[in-house]
Amino acid sequence: SARVLKQKCYAREIHHHNDGGRITFTLDDIRAEN
């Protein structure tokens, strides 16, 4: 679920970008998380 994914991002538990307050993922983020 997107909700769980966002919650993990807010808690800084997974790799992501916070572009202007919007959570986004790059290919590098997805690779790093995998």
Full PDB file with SEQRES, HELIX, SHEET, SSBOND, CRYST1, ORIGX, SCALE, CONECT and MASTER records, all heavy atoms in Angstrom:
SEQRES   1 A   34  SER ALA ARG VAL LEU LYS GLN LYS CYS TYR ALA ARG GLU          
SEQRES   2 A   34  ILE HIS HIS HIS ASN ASP GLY GLY ARG ILE THR PHE THR          
SEQRES   3 A   34  LEU ASP ASP ILE ARG ALA GLU ASN                              
HELIX    1 AA1 ALA A    2  TYR A   10  1                                   9    
HELIX    2 AA2 LEU A   27  GLU A   33  1                                   7    
SHEET    1 AA1 2 HIS A  17  ASP A  19  0                                        
SHEET    2 AA1 2 ARG A  22  THR A  24 -1                                        
CRYST1    1.000    1.000    1.000  90.00  90.00  90.00 P 1           1          
ORIGX1      1.000000  0.000000  0.000000        0.00000                         
ORIGX2      0.000000  1.000000  0.000000        0.00000                         
ORIGX3      0.000000  0.000000  1.000000        0.00000                         
SCALE1      1.000000  0.000000  0.000000        0.00000                         
SCALE2      0.000000  1.000000  0.000000        0.00000                         
SCALE3      0.000000  0.000000  1.000000        0.00000                         
ATOM      1  N   SER A   1       0.837  -1.198   0.000  1.00  0.00           N  
ATOM      2  CA  SER A   1       0.000   0.000   0.000  1.00  0.00           C  
ATOM      3  C   SER A   1       0.872   1.249   0.000  1.00  0.00           C  
ATOM      4  O   SER A   1       1.949   1.285   0.608  1.00  0.00           O  
ATOM      5  CB  SER A   1      -0.945   0.013   1.201  1.00  0.00           C  
ATOM      6  OG  SER A   1      -0.354   0.582   2.328  1.00  0.00           O  
ATOM      7  N   ALA A   2       0.382   2.270  -0.697  1.00  0.00           N  
ATOM      8  CA  ALA A   2       1.100   3.537  -0.769  1.00  0.00           C  
ATOM      9  C   ALA A   2       1.163   4.192   0.608  1.00  0.00           C  
ATOM     10  O   ALA A   2       2.145   4.863   0.934  1.00  0.00           O  
ATOM     11  CB  ALA A   2       0.430   4.463  -1.775  1.00  0.00           C  
ATOM     12  N   ARG A   3       0.149   3.975   1.410  1.00  0.00           N  
ATOM     13  CA  ARG A   3       0.121   4.559   2.749  1.00  0.00           C  
ATOM     14  C   ARG A   3       1.282   4.047   3.612  1.00  0.00           C  
ATOM     15  O   ARG A   3       1.986   4.814   4.265  1.00  0.00           O  
ATOM     16  CB  ARG A   3      -1.215   4.257   3.419  1.00  0.00           C  
ATOM     17  CG  ARG A   3      -1.334   4.833   4.802  1.00  0.00           C  
ATOM     18  CD  ARG A   3      -2.731   4.593   5.350  1.00  0.00           C  
ATOM     19  NE  ARG A   3      -2.807   5.057   6.715  1.00  0.00           N  
ATOM     20  CZ  ARG A   3      -3.286   4.353   7.717  1.00  0.00           C  
ATOM     21  NH1 ARG A   3      -3.763   3.146   7.502  1.00  0.00           N  
ATOM     22  NH2 ARG A   3      -3.314   4.841   8.926  1.00  0.00           N  
ATOM     23  N   VAL A   4       1.483   2.738   3.609  1.00  0.00           N  
ATOM     24  CA  VAL A   4       2.585   2.146   4.374  1.00  0.00           C  
ATOM     25  C   VAL A   4       3.921   2.653   3.840  1.00  0.00           C  
ATOM     26  O   VAL A   4       4.818   3.000   4.613  1.00  0.00           O  
ATOM     27  CB  VAL A   4       2.525   0.603   4.323  1.00  0.00           C  
ATOM     28  CG1 VAL A   4       3.786  -0.022   4.886  1.00  0.00           C  
ATOM     29  CG2 VAL A   4       1.300   0.097   5.044  1.00  0.00           C  
ATOM     30  N   LEU A   5       4.043   2.729   2.537  1.00  0.00           N  
ATOM     31  CA  LEU A   5       5.273   3.210   1.914  1.00  0.00           C  
ATOM     32  C   LEU A   5       5.557   4.657   2.340  1.00  0.00           C  
ATOM     33  O   LEU A   5       6.680   4.991   2.713  1.00  0.00           O  
ATOM     34  CB  LEU A   5       5.148   3.106   0.395  1.00  0.00           C  
ATOM     35  CG  LEU A   5       6.381   3.353  -0.437  1.00  0.00           C  
ATOM     36  CD1 LEU A   5       7.532   2.449  -0.027  1.00  0.00           C  
ATOM     37  CD2 LEU A   5       6.067   3.173  -1.902  1.00  0.00           C  
ATOM     38  N   LYS A   6       4.539   5.496   2.322  1.00  0.00           N  
ATOM     39  CA  LYS A   6       4.703   6.887   2.749  1.00  0.00           C  
ATOM     40  C   LYS A   6       5.079   6.975   4.228  1.00  0.00           C  
ATOM     41  O   LYS A   6       5.936   7.769   4.607  1.00  0.00           O  
ATOM     42  CB  LYS A   6       3.418   7.674   2.501  1.00  0.00           C  
ATOM     43  CG  LYS A   6       3.161   7.972   1.045  1.00  0.00           C  
ATOM     44  CD  LYS A   6       1.856   8.729   0.898  1.00  0.00           C  
ATOM     45  CE  LYS A   6       1.497   8.967  -0.528  1.00  0.00           C  
ATOM     46  NZ  LYS A   6       0.222   9.685  -0.666  1.00  0.00           N  
ATOM     47  N   GLN A   7       4.445   6.160   5.059  1.00  0.00           N  
ATOM     48  CA  GLN A   7       4.756   6.180   6.487  1.00  0.00           C  
ATOM     49  C   GLN A   7       6.216   5.806   6.728  1.00  0.00           C  
ATOM     50  O   GLN A   7       6.890   6.397   7.564  1.00  0.00           O  
ATOM     51  CB  GLN A   7       3.832   5.237   7.255  1.00  0.00           C  
ATOM     52  CG  GLN A   7       2.426   5.770   7.391  1.00  0.00           C  
ATOM     53  CD  GLN A   7       1.481   4.768   8.036  1.00  0.00           C  
ATOM     54  OE1 GLN A   7       1.721   3.564   8.010  1.00  0.00           O  
ATOM     55  NE2 GLN A   7       0.398   5.274   8.598  1.00  0.00           N  
ATOM     56  N   LYS A   8       6.719   4.833   5.987  1.00  0.00           N  
ATOM     57  CA  LYS A   8       8.120   4.439   6.122  1.00  0.00           C  
ATOM     58  C   LYS A   8       9.044   5.557   5.644  1.00  0.00           C  
ATOM     59  O   LYS A   8      10.122   5.751   6.186  1.00  0.00           O  
ATOM     60  CB  LYS A   8       8.383   3.136   5.387  1.00  0.00           C  
ATOM     61  CG  LYS A   8       7.664   1.961   6.038  1.00  0.00           C  
ATOM     62  CD  LYS A   8       8.342   0.682   5.698  1.00  0.00           C  
ATOM     63  CE  LYS A   8       7.760  -0.466   6.470  1.00  0.00           C  
ATOM     64  NZ  LYS A   8       8.326  -0.598   7.796  1.00  0.00           N  
ATOM     65  N   CYS A   9       8.610   6.303   4.645  1.00  0.00           N  
ATOM     66  CA  CYS A   9       9.395   7.450   4.175  1.00  0.00           C  
ATOM     67  C   CYS A   9       9.408   8.555   5.229  1.00  0.00           C  
ATOM     68  O   CYS A   9      10.457   9.140   5.500  1.00  0.00           O  
ATOM     69  CB  CYS A   9       8.823   7.990   2.873  1.00  0.00           C  
ATOM     70  SG  CYS A   9       9.060   6.894   1.468  1.00  0.00           S  
ATOM     71  N   TYR A  10       8.240   8.843   5.819  1.00  0.00           N  
ATOM     72  CA  TYR A  10       8.173   9.877   6.866  1.00  0.00           C  
ATOM     73  C   TYR A  10       9.073   9.517   8.038  1.00  0.00           C  
ATOM     74  O   TYR A  10       9.702  10.389   8.636  1.00  0.00           O  
ATOM     75  CB  TYR A  10       6.743  10.064   7.365  1.00  0.00           C  
ATOM     76  CG  TYR A  10       5.766  10.563   6.332  1.00  0.00           C  
ATOM     77  CD1 TYR A  10       4.463  10.087   6.300  1.00  0.00           C  
ATOM     78  CD2 TYR A  10       6.133  11.504   5.379  1.00  0.00           C  
ATOM     79  CE1 TYR A  10       3.556  10.534   5.353  1.00  0.00           C  
ATOM     80  CE2 TYR A  10       5.235  11.949   4.419  1.00  0.00           C  
ATOM     81  CZ  TYR A  10       3.950  11.473   4.411  1.00  0.00           C  
ATOM     82  OH  TYR A  10       3.051  11.912   3.476  1.00  0.00           O  
ATOM     83  N   ALA A  11       9.166   8.232   8.344  1.00  0.00           N  
ATOM     84  CA  ALA A  11      10.007   7.763   9.447  1.00  0.00           C  
ATOM     85  C   ALA A  11      11.470   7.603   9.021  1.00  0.00           C  
ATOM     86  O   ALA A  11      12.304   7.188   9.822  1.00  0.00           O  
ATOM     87  CB  ALA A  11       9.474   6.433   9.973  1.00  0.00           C  
ATOM     88  N   ARG A  12      11.755   7.915   7.757  1.00  0.00           N  
ATOM     89  CA  ARG A  12      13.110   7.810   7.182  1.00  0.00           C  
ATOM     90  C   ARG A  12      13.679   6.398   7.296  1.00  0.00           C  
ATOM     91  O   ARG A  12      14.853   6.207   7.601  1.00  0.00           O  
ATOM     92  CB  ARG A  12      14.048   8.828   7.812  1.00  0.00           C  
ATOM     93  CG  ARG A  12      13.623  10.252   7.559  1.00  0.00           C  
ATOM     94  CD  ARG A  12      14.579  11.235   8.205  1.00  0.00           C  
ATOM     95  NE  ARG A  12      14.093  12.587   8.033  1.00  0.00           N  
ATOM     96  CZ  ARG A  12      14.525  13.426   7.088  1.00  0.00           C  
ATOM     97  NH1 ARG A  12      15.426  13.035   6.243  1.00  0.00           N  
ATOM     98  NH2 ARG A  12      14.031  14.635   7.010  1.00  0.00           N  
ATOM     99  N   GLU A  13      12.830   5.431   7.027  1.00  0.00           N  
ATOM    100  CA  GLU A  13      13.239   4.031   7.095  1.00  0.00           C  
ATOM    101  C   GLU A  13      13.653   3.475   5.739  1.00  0.00           C  
ATOM    102  O   GLU A  13      14.277   2.418   5.681  1.00  0.00           O  
ATOM    103  CB  GLU A  13      12.104   3.181   7.670  1.00  0.00           C  
ATOM    104  CG  GLU A  13      11.786   3.497   9.113  1.00  0.00           C  
ATOM    105  CD  GLU A  13      10.631   2.682   9.647  1.00  0.00           C  
ATOM    106  OE1 GLU A  13      10.163   1.750   8.951  1.00  0.00           O  
ATOM    107  OE2 GLU A  13      10.189   2.982  10.762  1.00  0.00           O  
ATOM    108  N   ILE A  14      13.266   4.143   4.656  1.00  0.00           N  
ATOM    109  CA  ILE A  14      13.630   3.658   3.321  1.00  0.00           C  
ATOM    110  C   ILE A  14      14.167   4.808   2.473  1.00  0.00           C  
ATOM    111  O   ILE A  14      13.904   5.972   2.746  1.00  0.00           O  
ATOM    112  CB  ILE A  14      12.448   2.960   2.607  1.00  0.00           C  
ATOM    113  CG1 ILE A  14      11.298   3.913   2.387  1.00  0.00           C  
ATOM    114  CG2 ILE A  14      11.987   1.746   3.375  1.00  0.00           C  
ATOM    115  CD1 ILE A  14      10.188   3.302   1.579  1.00  0.00           C  
ATOM    116  N   HIS A  15      14.905   4.461   1.438  1.00  0.00           N  
ATOM    117  CA  HIS A  15      15.500   5.447   0.533  1.00  0.00           C  
ATOM    118  C   HIS A  15      14.408   6.101  -0.305  1.00  0.00           C  
ATOM    119  O   HIS A  15      13.563   5.414  -0.878  1.00  0.00           O  
ATOM    120  CB  HIS A  15      16.507   4.778  -0.408  1.00  0.00           C  
ATOM    121  CG  HIS A  15      17.673   4.181   0.299  1.00  0.00           C  
ATOM    122  ND1 HIS A  15      18.805   4.900   0.562  1.00  0.00           N  
ATOM    123  CD2 HIS A  15      17.886   2.955   0.814  1.00  0.00           C  
ATOM    124  CE1 HIS A  15      19.669   4.145   1.196  1.00  0.00           C  
ATOM    125  NE2 HIS A  15      19.134   2.951   1.369  1.00  0.00           N  
ATOM    126  N   HIS A  16      14.433   7.429  -0.374  1.00  0.00           N  
ATOM    127  CA  HIS A  16      13.486   8.174  -1.195  1.00  0.00           C  
ATOM    128  C   HIS A  16      13.971   9.609  -1.338  1.00  0.00           C  
ATOM    129  O   HIS A  16      14.974   9.997  -0.761  1.00  0.00           O  
ATOM    130  CB  HIS A  16      12.087   8.152  -0.575  1.00  0.00           C  
ATOM    131  CG  HIS A  16      11.976   8.948   0.690  1.00  0.00           C  
ATOM    132  ND1 HIS A  16      12.482   8.495   1.885  1.00  0.00           N  
ATOM    133  CD2 HIS A  16      11.451  10.167   0.929  1.00  0.00           C  
ATOM    134  CE1 HIS A  16      12.257   9.398   2.822  1.00  0.00           C  
ATOM    135  NE2 HIS A  16      11.634  10.432   2.269  1.00  0.00           N  
ATOM    136  N   HIS A  17      13.249  10.410  -2.118  1.00  0.00           N  
ATOM    137  CA  HIS A  17      13.504  11.839  -2.246  1.00  0.00           C  
ATOM    138  C   HIS A  17      12.277  12.582  -1.728  1.00  0.00           C  
ATOM    139  O   HIS A  17      11.149  12.096  -1.833  1.00  0.00           O  
ATOM    140  CB  HIS A  17      13.741  12.234  -3.708  1.00  0.00           C  
ATOM    141  CG  HIS A  17      15.093  11.873  -4.205  1.00  0.00           C  
ATOM    142  ND1 HIS A  17      15.430  10.604  -4.574  1.00  0.00           N  
ATOM    143  CD2 HIS A  17      16.199  12.634  -4.367  1.00  0.00           C  
ATOM    144  CE1 HIS A  17      16.689  10.592  -4.964  1.00  0.00           C  
ATOM    145  NE2 HIS A  17      17.186  11.818  -4.850  1.00  0.00           N  
ATOM    146  N   ASN A  18      12.514  13.751  -1.199  1.00  0.00           N  
ATOM    147  CA  ASN A  18      11.419  14.589  -0.713  1.00  0.00           C  
ATOM    148  C   ASN A  18      11.410  15.858  -1.552  1.00  0.00           C  
ATOM    149  O   ASN A  18      11.893  16.901  -1.132  1.00  0.00           O  
ATOM    150  CB  ASN A  18      11.611  14.900   0.779  1.00  0.00           C  
ATOM    151  CG  ASN A  18      10.372  15.463   1.401  1.00  0.00           C  
ATOM    152  OD1 ASN A  18       9.307  15.427   0.809  1.00  0.00           O  
ATOM    153  ND2 ASN A  18      10.507  15.996   2.599  1.00  0.00           N  
ATOM    154  N   ASP A  19      10.891  15.749  -2.757  1.00  0.00           N  
ATOM    155  CA  ASP A  19      10.899  16.847  -3.725  1.00  0.00           C  
ATOM    156  C   ASP A  19       9.803  17.853  -3.408  1.00  0.00           C  
ATOM    157  O   ASP A  19       8.630  17.630  -3.717  1.00  0.00           O  
ATOM    158  CB  ASP A  19      10.705  16.319  -5.142  1.00  0.00           C  
ATOM    159  CG  ASP A  19      11.836  15.412  -5.575  1.00  0.00           C  
ATOM    160  OD1 ASP A  19      12.966  15.623  -5.110  1.00  0.00           O  
ATOM    161  OD2 ASP A  19      11.593  14.504  -6.381  1.00  0.00           O  
ATOM    162  N   GLY A  20      10.180  18.947  -2.777  1.00  0.00           N  
ATOM    163  CA  GLY A  20       9.200  19.989  -2.468  1.00  0.00           C  
ATOM    164  C   GLY A  20       8.072  19.480  -1.598  1.00  0.00           C  
ATOM    165  O   GLY A  20       6.932  19.912  -1.743  1.00  0.00           O  
ATOM    166  N   GLY A  21       8.375  18.546  -0.713  1.00  0.00           N  
ATOM    167  CA  GLY A  21       7.355  17.991   0.169  1.00  0.00           C  
ATOM    168  C   GLY A  21       6.639  16.777  -0.405  1.00  0.00           C  
ATOM    169  O   GLY A  21       5.803  16.177   0.264  1.00  0.00           O  
ATOM    170  N   ARG A  22       6.943  16.420  -1.641  1.00  0.00           N  
ATOM    171  CA  ARG A  22       6.337  15.233  -2.265  1.00  0.00           C  
ATOM    172  C   ARG A  22       7.339  14.089  -2.246  1.00  0.00           C  
ATOM    173  O   ARG A  22       8.490  14.260  -2.638  1.00  0.00           O  
ATOM    174  CB  ARG A  22       5.937  15.532  -3.707  1.00  0.00           C  
ATOM    175  CG  ARG A  22       4.806  16.536  -3.817  1.00  0.00           C  
ATOM    176  CD  ARG A  22       4.427  16.812  -5.265  1.00  0.00           C  
ATOM    177  NE  ARG A  22       4.102  15.573  -5.949  1.00  0.00           N  
ATOM    178  CZ  ARG A  22       4.503  15.279  -7.194  1.00  0.00           C  
ATOM    179  NH1 ARG A  22       5.252  16.112  -7.863  1.00  0.00           N  
ATOM    180  NH2 ARG A  22       4.159  14.155  -7.750  1.00  0.00           N  
ATOM    181  N   ILE A  23       6.906  12.937  -1.823  1.00  0.00           N  
ATOM    182  CA  ILE A  23       7.766  11.756  -1.792  1.00  0.00           C  
ATOM    183  C   ILE A  23       7.865  11.183  -3.197  1.00  0.00           C  
ATOM    184  O   ILE A  23       6.846  10.931  -3.847  1.00  0.00           O  
ATOM    185  CB  ILE A  23       7.208  10.704  -0.818  1.00  0.00           C  
ATOM    186  CG1 ILE A  23       7.258  11.252   0.603  1.00  0.00           C  
ATOM    187  CG2 ILE A  23       7.973   9.395  -0.932  1.00  0.00           C  
ATOM    188  CD1 ILE A  23       6.528  10.397   1.603  1.00  0.00           C  
ATOM    189  N   THR A  24       9.102  10.993  -3.660  1.00  0.00           N  
ATOM    190  CA  THR A  24       9.324  10.370  -4.962  1.00  0.00           C  
ATOM    191  C   THR A  24      10.472   9.375  -4.844  1.00  0.00           C  
ATOM    192  O   THR A  24      11.249   9.406  -3.892  1.00  0.00           O  
ATOM    193  CB  THR A  24       9.675  11.411  -6.052  1.00  0.00           C  
ATOM    194  OG1 THR A  24      10.854  12.099  -5.679  1.00  0.00           O  
ATOM    195  CG2 THR A  24       8.529  12.383  -6.277  1.00  0.00           C  
ATOM    196  N   PHE A  25      10.558   8.505  -5.837  1.00  0.00           N  
ATOM    197  CA  PHE A  25      11.594   7.478  -5.868  1.00  0.00           C  
ATOM    198  C   PHE A  25      12.291   7.519  -7.224  1.00  0.00           C  
ATOM    199  O   PHE A  25      11.636   7.561  -8.258  1.00  0.00           O  
ATOM    200  CB  PHE A  25      10.984   6.088  -5.661  1.00  0.00           C  
ATOM    201  CG  PHE A  25      10.313   5.925  -4.339  1.00  0.00           C  
ATOM    202  CD1 PHE A  25       8.983   6.266  -4.184  1.00  0.00           C  
ATOM    203  CD2 PHE A  25      11.007   5.442  -3.250  1.00  0.00           C  
ATOM    204  CE1 PHE A  25       8.354   6.128  -2.952  1.00  0.00           C  
ATOM    205  CE2 PHE A  25      10.396   5.299  -2.023  1.00  0.00           C  
ATOM    206  CZ  PHE A  25       9.067   5.642  -1.874  1.00  0.00           C  
ATOM    207  N   THR A  26      13.617   7.475  -7.190  1.00  0.00           N  
ATOM    208  CA  THR A  26      14.393   7.358  -8.420  1.00  0.00           C  
ATOM    209  C   THR A  26      14.809   5.906  -8.588  1.00  0.00           C  
ATOM    210  O   THR A  26      14.630   5.090  -7.674  1.00  0.00           O  
ATOM    211  CB  THR A  26      15.663   8.234  -8.364  1.00  0.00           C  
ATOM    212  OG1 THR A  26      16.488   7.762  -7.291  1.00  0.00           O  
ATOM    213  CG2 THR A  26      15.328   9.700  -8.174  1.00  0.00           C  
ATOM    214  N   LEU A  27      15.392   5.597  -9.719  1.00  0.00           N  
ATOM    215  CA  LEU A  27      15.887   4.245  -9.962  1.00  0.00           C  
ATOM    216  C   LEU A  27      16.942   3.876  -8.918  1.00  0.00           C  
ATOM    217  O   LEU A  27      16.957   2.758  -8.409  1.00  0.00           O  
ATOM    218  CB  LEU A  27      16.462   4.142 -11.371  1.00  0.00           C  
ATOM    219  CG  LEU A  27      16.966   2.784 -11.812  1.00  0.00           C  
ATOM    220  CD1 LEU A  27      15.835   1.754 -11.789  1.00  0.00           C  
ATOM    221  CD2 LEU A  27      17.574   2.862 -13.189  1.00  0.00           C  
ATOM    222  N   ASP A  28      17.794   4.828  -8.568  1.00  0.00           N  
ATOM    223  CA  ASP A  28      18.820   4.573  -7.544  1.00  0.00           C  
ATOM    224  C   ASP A  28      18.199   4.297  -6.175  1.00  0.00           C  
ATOM    225  O   ASP A  28      18.692   3.455  -5.425  1.00  0.00           O  
ATOM    226  CB  ASP A  28      19.798   5.741  -7.455  1.00  0.00           C  
ATOM    227  CG  ASP A  28      20.691   5.843  -8.681  1.00  0.00           C  
ATOM    228  OD1 ASP A  28      20.885   4.809  -9.358  1.00  0.00           O  
ATOM    229  OD2 ASP A  28      21.191   6.944  -8.954  1.00  0.00           O  
ATOM    230  N   ASP A  29      17.118   5.001  -5.836  1.00  0.00           N  
ATOM    231  CA  ASP A  29      16.429   4.751  -4.566  1.00  0.00           C  
ATOM    232  C   ASP A  29      15.878   3.327  -4.521  1.00  0.00           C  
ATOM    233  O   ASP A  29      16.014   2.622  -3.517  1.00  0.00           O  
ATOM    234  CB  ASP A  29      15.250   5.724  -4.364  1.00  0.00           C  
ATOM    235  CG  ASP A  29      15.695   7.160  -4.216  1.00  0.00           C  
ATOM    236  OD1 ASP A  29      16.815   7.383  -3.729  1.00  0.00           O  
ATOM    237  OD2 ASP A  29      14.909   8.049  -4.587  1.00  0.00           O  
ATOM    238  N   ILE A  30      15.274   2.919  -5.611  1.00  0.00           N  
ATOM    239  CA  ILE A  30      14.671   1.586  -5.671  1.00  0.00           C  
ATOM    240  C   ILE A  30      15.758   0.516  -5.606  1.00  0.00           C  
ATOM    241  O   ILE A  30      15.627  -0.477  -4.893  1.00  0.00           O  
ATOM    242  CB  ILE A  30      13.802   1.454  -6.933  1.00  0.00           C  
ATOM    243  CG1 ILE A  30      12.574   2.382  -6.781  1.00  0.00           C  
ATOM    244  CG2 ILE A  30      13.378   0.015  -7.176  1.00  0.00           C  
ATOM    245  CD1 ILE A  30      11.803   2.622  -8.030  1.00  0.00           C  
ATOM    246  N   ARG A  31      16.860   0.735  -6.308  1.00  0.00           N  
ATOM    247  CA  ARG A  31      17.980  -0.215  -6.249  1.00  0.00           C  
ATOM    248  C   ARG A  31      18.574  -0.284  -4.847  1.00  0.00           C  
ATOM    249  O   ARG A  31      18.863  -1.372  -4.343  1.00  0.00           O  
ATOM    250  CB  ARG A  31      19.058   0.176  -7.247  1.00  0.00           C  
ATOM    251  CG  ARG A  31      18.703  -0.159  -8.666  1.00  0.00           C  
ATOM    252  CD  ARG A  31      19.826   0.199  -9.595  1.00  0.00           C  
ATOM    253  NE  ARG A  31      19.502  -0.220 -10.956  1.00  0.00           N  
ATOM    254  CZ  ARG A  31      20.011   0.313 -12.037  1.00  0.00           C  
ATOM    255  NH1 ARG A  31      20.905   1.287 -11.936  1.00  0.00           N  
ATOM    256  NH2 ARG A  31      19.655  -0.107 -13.222  1.00  0.00           N  
ATOM    257  N   ALA A  32      18.764   0.889  -4.221  1.00  0.00           N  
ATOM    258  CA  ALA A  32      19.335   0.922  -2.870  1.00  0.00           C  
ATOM    259  C   ALA A  32      18.425   0.207  -1.875  1.00  0.00           C  
ATOM    260  O   ALA A  32      18.892  -0.517  -0.998  1.00  0.00           O  
ATOM    261  CB  ALA A  32      19.563   2.363  -2.428  1.00  0.00           C  
ATOM    262  N   GLU A  33      17.129   0.393  -2.019  1.00  0.00           N  
ATOM    263  CA  GLU A  33      16.189  -0.260  -1.108  1.00  0.00           C  
ATOM    264  C   GLU A  33      16.170  -1.771  -1.336  1.00  0.00           C  
ATOM    265  O   GLU A  33      16.112  -2.550  -0.384  1.00  0.00           O  
ATOM    266  CB  GLU A  33      14.786   0.333  -1.286  1.00  0.00           C  
ATOM    267  CG  GLU A  33      13.813  -0.081  -0.244  1.00  0.00           C  
ATOM    268  CD  GLU A  33      14.230   0.266   1.173  1.00  0.00           C  
ATOM    269  OE1 GLU A  33      15.034   1.190   1.380  1.00  0.00           O  
ATOM    270  OE2 GLU A  33      13.753  -0.423   2.100  1.00  0.00           O  
ATOM    271  N   ASN A  34      16.244  -2.188  -2.580  1.00  0.00           N  
ATOM    272  CA  ASN A  34      16.305  -3.629  -2.865  1.00  0.00           C  
ATOM    273  C   ASN A  34      17.599  -4.234  -2.340  1.00  0.00           C  
ATOM    274  O   ASN A  34      17.599  -5.348  -1.822  1.00  0.00           O  
ATOM    275  CB  ASN A  34      16.137  -3.897  -4.357  1.00  0.00           C  
ATOM    276  CG  ASN A  34      14.701  -3.799  -4.797  1.00  0.00           C  
ATOM    277  OD1 ASN A  34      13.796  -4.243  -4.101  1.00  0.00           O  
ATOM    278  ND2 ASN A  34      14.465  -3.189  -5.938  1.00  0.00           N  
TER     279      ASN A  34                                                      
MASTER        0    0    0    2    2    0    0    6  278    1    0    3          
END                                                                             
